[in-house]
Each structure stands twice: as structure tokens, then as C-alpha cells.
Amino acid sequence: MATNPPSGDDRRHGAIRERSQFQGPSGNWIKRNAETGRFMDQKTSGGRFKGVRREK
């Protein structure tokens, strides 16, 4: 997981390294676990996931 110092400011510094995202055929962004390759979540409200790296 990405670190979050100083504690208490409620924001993340840097990307989450164990996850990636890509745009599926339907146009929705899909989040994938980089270690296992399993799909974690699909965003239906539009836009990308924040703080998650994109696959090429």
C-alpha cells in the first residue's frame, strides 16, 4: 500500500503499487491486482480510479 505520512492529513502520497487499471471494451475502467492478476473492481460512474497506475 502507498504510505500516508504525515498521519492525519487524509490523503495518499504516491500510487498504489500492487494494483493497476485498464479500460475495458465497454469503456469502463477495471482495477486489477498486479500480484494475482484477478479483477478487483469496475468503475461505472466514469473516469479513472485515483492513485492507481494504468496498464498500457
C-alpha atoms as a PDB file:
ATOM      1  CA  MET A   1       0.000   0.000   0.000  1.00  0.00           C
ATOM      2  CA  ALA A   2       1.090   3.561  -0.506  1.00  0.00           C
ATOM      3  CA  THR A   3       2.295   5.385   2.566  1.00  0.00           C
ATOM      4  CA  ASN A   4       0.316   8.244   4.025  1.00  0.00           C
ATOM      5  CA  PRO A   5       2.637  10.422   6.197  1.00  0.00           C
ATOM      6  CA  PRO A   6       2.117  12.733   7.938  1.00  0.00           C
ATOM      7  CA  SER A   7      -0.703  10.857   9.564  1.00  0.00           C
ATOM      8  CA  GLY A   8      -3.992  12.653   9.898  1.00  0.00           C
ATOM      9  CA  ASP A   9      -3.976  14.684   6.682  1.00  0.00           C
ATOM     10  CA  ASP A  10      -6.358  12.185   4.961  1.00  0.00           C
ATOM     11  CA  ARG A  11      -4.562  11.917   1.629  1.00  0.00           C
ATOM     12  CA  ARG A  12      -2.261   9.456  -0.084  1.00  0.00           C
ATOM     13  CA  HIS A  13       1.174  10.314  -1.421  1.00  0.00           C
ATOM     14  CA  GLY A  14       2.105   8.231  -4.463  1.00  0.00           C
ATOM     15  CA  ALA A  15       0.434   5.434  -6.395  1.00  0.00           C
ATOM     16  CA  ILE A  16      -0.703   2.086  -5.053  1.00  0.00           C
ATOM     17  CA  ARG A  17       1.927  -0.358  -6.338  1.00  0.00           C
ATOM     18  CA  GLU A  18       0.051  -3.668  -6.095  1.00  0.00           C
ATOM     19  CA  ARG A  19      -2.751  -2.558  -8.426  1.00  0.00           C
ATOM     20  CA  SER A  20      -3.209  -1.420 -12.000  1.00  0.00           C
ATOM     21  CA  GLN A  21      -6.132  -0.329 -14.138  1.00  0.00           C
ATOM     22  CA  PHE A  22      -7.144  -0.572 -17.754  1.00  0.00           C
ATOM     23  CA  GLN A  23     -10.101   0.439 -19.867  1.00  0.00           C
ATOM     24  CA  GLY A  24     -12.337  -2.484 -20.773  1.00  0.00           C
ATOM     25  CA  PRO A  25     -14.238  -2.982 -24.032  1.00  0.00           C
ATOM     26  CA  SER A  26     -17.346  -1.371 -22.523  1.00  0.00           C
ATOM     27  CA  GLY A  27     -15.372   1.821 -21.788  1.00  0.00           C
ATOM     28  CA  ASN A  28     -15.402   1.306 -18.013  1.00  0.00           C
ATOM     29  CA  TRP A  29     -12.135   1.296 -16.052  1.00  0.00           C
ATOM     30  CA  ILE A  30     -11.287  -2.029 -14.392  1.00  0.00           C
ATOM     31  CA  LYS A  31      -8.918  -2.362 -11.434  1.00  0.00           C
ATOM     32  CA  ARG A  32      -6.635  -5.415 -11.318  1.00  0.00           C
ATOM     33  CA  ASN A  33      -4.460  -6.919  -8.578  1.00  0.00           C
ATOM     34  CA  ALA A  34      -0.928  -6.902 -10.010  1.00  0.00           C
ATOM     35  CA  GLU A  35       0.249  -9.861  -7.903  1.00  0.00           C
ATOM     36  CA  THR A  36      -2.533 -12.343  -8.715  1.00  0.00           C
ATOM     37  CA  GLY A  37      -3.956 -10.822 -11.909  1.00  0.00           C
ATOM     38  CA  ARG A  38      -7.521 -11.020 -10.583  1.00  0.00           C
ATOM     39  CA  PHE A  39     -10.006  -8.236 -11.295  1.00  0.00           C
ATOM     40  CA  MET A  40     -10.919  -6.256  -8.179  1.00  0.00           C
ATOM     41  CA  ASP A  41     -13.439  -3.602  -9.186  1.00  0.00           C
ATOM     42  CA  GLN A  42     -15.073  -1.878 -12.150  1.00  0.00           C
ATOM     43  CA  LYS A  43     -15.860   1.808 -12.183  1.00  0.00           C
ATOM     44  CA  THR A  44     -19.236   2.585 -13.721  1.00  0.00           C
ATOM     45  CA  SER A  45     -19.531   6.272 -12.814  1.00  0.00           C
ATOM     46  CA  GLY A  46     -16.984   7.336 -15.433  1.00  0.00           C
ATOM     47  CA  GLY A  47     -13.367   8.398 -15.166  1.00  0.00           C
ATOM     48  CA  ARG A  48     -10.367   6.517 -13.834  1.00  0.00           C
ATOM     49  CA  PHE A  49      -9.507   5.254 -10.357  1.00  0.00           C
ATOM     50  CA  LYS A  50      -7.411   7.764  -8.394  1.00  0.00           C
ATOM     51  CA  GLY A  51      -3.913   6.744  -7.383  1.00  0.00           C
ATOM     52  CA  VAL A  52      -3.842   3.514  -9.420  1.00  0.00           C
ATOM     53  CA  ARG A  53      -1.342   3.094 -12.262  1.00  0.00           C
ATOM     54  CA  ARG A  54      -2.552   2.421 -15.793  1.00  0.00           C
ATOM     55  CA  GLU A  55      -1.647  -0.578 -17.944  1.00  0.00           C
ATOM     56  CA  LYS A  56      -0.503   0.005 -21.495  1.00  0.00           C
END
